[in-house]
Amino acid sequence: MSTHADQPLELGAALASFDTLWSPRIVTQVNDYDVRVAKVAGDHLWHAHDDTDEFFLVLEGELLISLREEAGERTVRLPKGAVFTVPRGIEHKPSAPSGASLLLFEPTGTSTVGDRHEEVPDHVDATTGHALG
């Protein structure tokens, strides 16, 4: 699936085209990576990606990412405009108590629930990303 557009894509319009939470849409690809946008609210689930880092950019709202690291558990706060990369293999749990819109950058085929995860709640879409529109 190639999602290279021959025209610029406005991210606000892409986000306005769907309402489903925790269900990313692929807006374009860069080499072997998907660029995805997602609307989120509430909690995701604890999960880890064994073979890839995961890049987050907060477009609107605020995202919290809890991390289980060697030194213990901590939570990072990402306000609008902030970026953060979760290293491969680190268990993490994104949450957005007041809602947020995100841009994610990860290898094509990466699952939203990682390689290791808790039971997937009904409000989380276990997907490798959906086509936009």
Protein backbone atom coordinates (compact mmCIF):
# COMPACT_ATOMS: atom_id res chain seq x y z
CA MET A 1 0.00 0.00 0.00
CA SER A 2 1.53 3.28 -1.04
CA THR A 3 0.15 6.35 0.64
CA HIS A 4 2.35 8.91 -1.06
CA ALA A 5 0.13 11.82 -2.00
CA ASP A 6 0.75 13.94 -5.05
CA GLN A 7 -0.65 16.93 -3.14
CA PRO A 8 0.02 18.36 0.32
CA LEU A 9 -2.18 16.99 3.09
CA GLU A 10 -3.48 19.29 5.82
CA LEU A 11 -3.33 17.39 9.13
CA GLY A 12 -6.37 19.19 10.56
CA ALA A 13 -8.47 17.96 7.64
CA ALA A 14 -7.07 14.44 8.05
CA LEU A 15 -8.00 14.46 11.75
CA ALA A 16 -11.46 15.86 10.98
CA SER A 17 -12.16 12.92 8.64
CA PHE A 18 -12.61 10.36 11.46
CA ASP A 19 -13.81 10.21 15.07
CA THR A 20 -12.67 6.81 16.33
CA LEU A 21 -10.33 7.05 19.33
CA TRP A 22 -7.06 5.10 19.61
CA SER A 23 -7.40 4.10 15.93
CA PRO A 24 -4.59 5.72 13.90
CA ARG A 25 -4.87 6.67 10.25
CA ILE A 26 -1.87 6.50 7.90
CA VAL A 27 -1.39 9.91 6.27
CA THR A 28 1.80 9.13 4.33
CA GLN A 29 4.85 6.89 4.27
CA VAL A 30 8.54 7.78 4.51
CA ASN A 31 10.74 4.92 3.32
CA ASP A 32 9.58 1.93 5.42
CA TYR A 33 7.77 4.07 8.01
CA ASP A 34 4.15 5.09 8.42
CA VAL A 35 3.26 8.59 9.48
CA ARG A 36 0.00 8.18 11.39
CA VAL A 37 -2.43 10.57 13.05
CA ALA A 38 -4.69 9.56 15.92
CA LYS A 39 -7.30 10.99 18.22
CA VAL A 40 -6.98 9.75 21.78
CA ALA A 41 -8.78 10.15 25.10
CA GLY A 42 -8.60 8.22 28.35
CA ASP A 43 -6.12 5.38 28.74
CA HIS A 44 -4.45 3.12 26.17
CA LEU A 45 -2.85 -0.02 27.65
CA TRP A 46 0.54 -1.13 28.91
CA HIS A 47 2.49 -2.51 25.95
CA ALA A 48 5.96 -2.70 24.43
CA HIS A 49 7.40 -2.79 20.93
CA ASP A 50 10.31 -5.24 20.96
CA ASP A 51 11.92 -4.16 17.68
CA THR A 52 11.18 -0.47 17.22
CA ASP A 53 11.16 2.89 18.94
CA GLU A 54 7.87 4.81 18.87
CA PHE A 55 7.77 8.55 18.09
CA PHE A 56 4.98 10.80 19.39
CA LEU A 57 4.21 14.43 18.45
CA VAL A 58 1.27 16.08 20.21
CA LEU A 59 -0.71 18.17 17.71
CA GLU A 60 -3.50 19.21 20.10
CA GLY A 61 -4.18 18.65 23.80
CA GLU A 62 -1.82 16.88 26.17
CA LEU A 63 -0.50 13.32 26.29
CA LEU A 64 0.89 11.48 29.31
CA ILE A 65 3.12 8.45 28.74
CA SER A 66 3.82 6.20 31.69
CA LEU A 67 7.05 4.20 31.33
CA ARG A 68 8.33 1.11 33.12
CA GLU A 69 12.10 1.53 33.01
CA GLU A 70 15.00 -0.18 34.75
CA ALA A 71 15.09 2.61 37.35
CA GLY A 72 11.35 2.29 38.01
CA GLU A 73 8.10 3.72 36.75
CA ARG A 74 7.71 7.35 35.64
CA THR A 75 5.33 9.44 33.58
CA VAL A 76 6.31 12.04 30.99
CA ARG A 77 3.96 14.91 30.12
CA LEU A 78 3.77 16.06 26.51
CA PRO A 79 1.93 19.35 25.95
CA LYS A 80 0.89 20.51 22.47
CA GLY A 81 3.94 20.71 20.24
CA ALA A 82 6.07 18.32 22.31
CA VAL A 83 7.80 15.24 20.92
CA PHE A 84 8.95 12.11 22.72
CA THR A 85 10.37 8.78 21.61
CA VAL A 86 9.70 5.63 23.62
CA PRO A 87 12.73 3.34 23.19
CA ARG A 88 12.18 -0.17 21.85
CA GLY A 89 11.43 -2.76 24.51
CA ILE A 90 10.22 -0.24 27.11
CA GLU A 91 6.74 -0.93 28.46
CA HIS A 92 4.61 2.18 28.16
CA LYS A 93 1.02 3.32 28.57
CA PRO A 94 -0.17 6.48 26.81
CA SER A 95 -3.11 8.38 28.26
CA ALA A 96 -4.91 11.63 27.52
CA PRO A 97 -7.31 12.51 30.36
CA SER A 98 -8.67 15.53 28.43
CA GLY A 99 -8.12 14.18 24.92
CA ALA A 100 -5.36 14.81 22.38
CA SER A 101 -4.46 14.53 18.70
CA LEU A 102 -1.16 12.87 17.85
CA LEU A 103 1.23 12.26 15.00
CA LEU A 104 3.07 8.94 15.24
CA PHE A 105 6.09 7.76 13.27
CA GLU A 106 6.82 4.03 13.25
CA PRO A 107 7.75 1.22 10.86
CA THR A 108 5.00 0.10 8.49
CA GLY A 109 3.16 -2.85 10.02
CA THR A 110 3.79 -1.85 13.65
CA SER A 111 0.86 -2.84 15.87
CA THR A 112 -0.77 -0.22 18.07
CA VAL A 113 -0.67 -2.71 20.94
CA GLY A 114 2.94 -3.73 20.43
CA ASP A 115 4.46 -7.18 20.67
CA ARG A 116 3.74 -7.61 24.39
CA HIS A 117 0.65 -6.14 26.02
CA GLU A 118 -2.11 -6.36 28.59
CA GLU A 119 -5.56 -7.54 27.53
CA VAL A 120 -6.77 -5.11 24.88
CA PRO A 121 -9.76 -3.07 26.13
CA ASP A 122 -12.75 -2.53 23.83
CA HIS A 123 -11.94 1.15 23.27
CA VAL A 124 -8.47 0.42 21.82
CA ASP A 125 -8.16 -0.57 18.16
CA ALA A 126 -5.48 -3.25 17.76
CA THR A 127 -4.34 -2.29 14.26
CA THR A 128 -1.32 -1.57 12.09
CA GLY A 129 -3.06 1.64 11.01
CA HIS A 130 -5.98 2.37 8.72
CA ALA A 131 -5.93 4.14 5.38
CA LEU A 132 -7.12 7.72 5.56
CA GLY A 133 -10.62 8.22 4.18
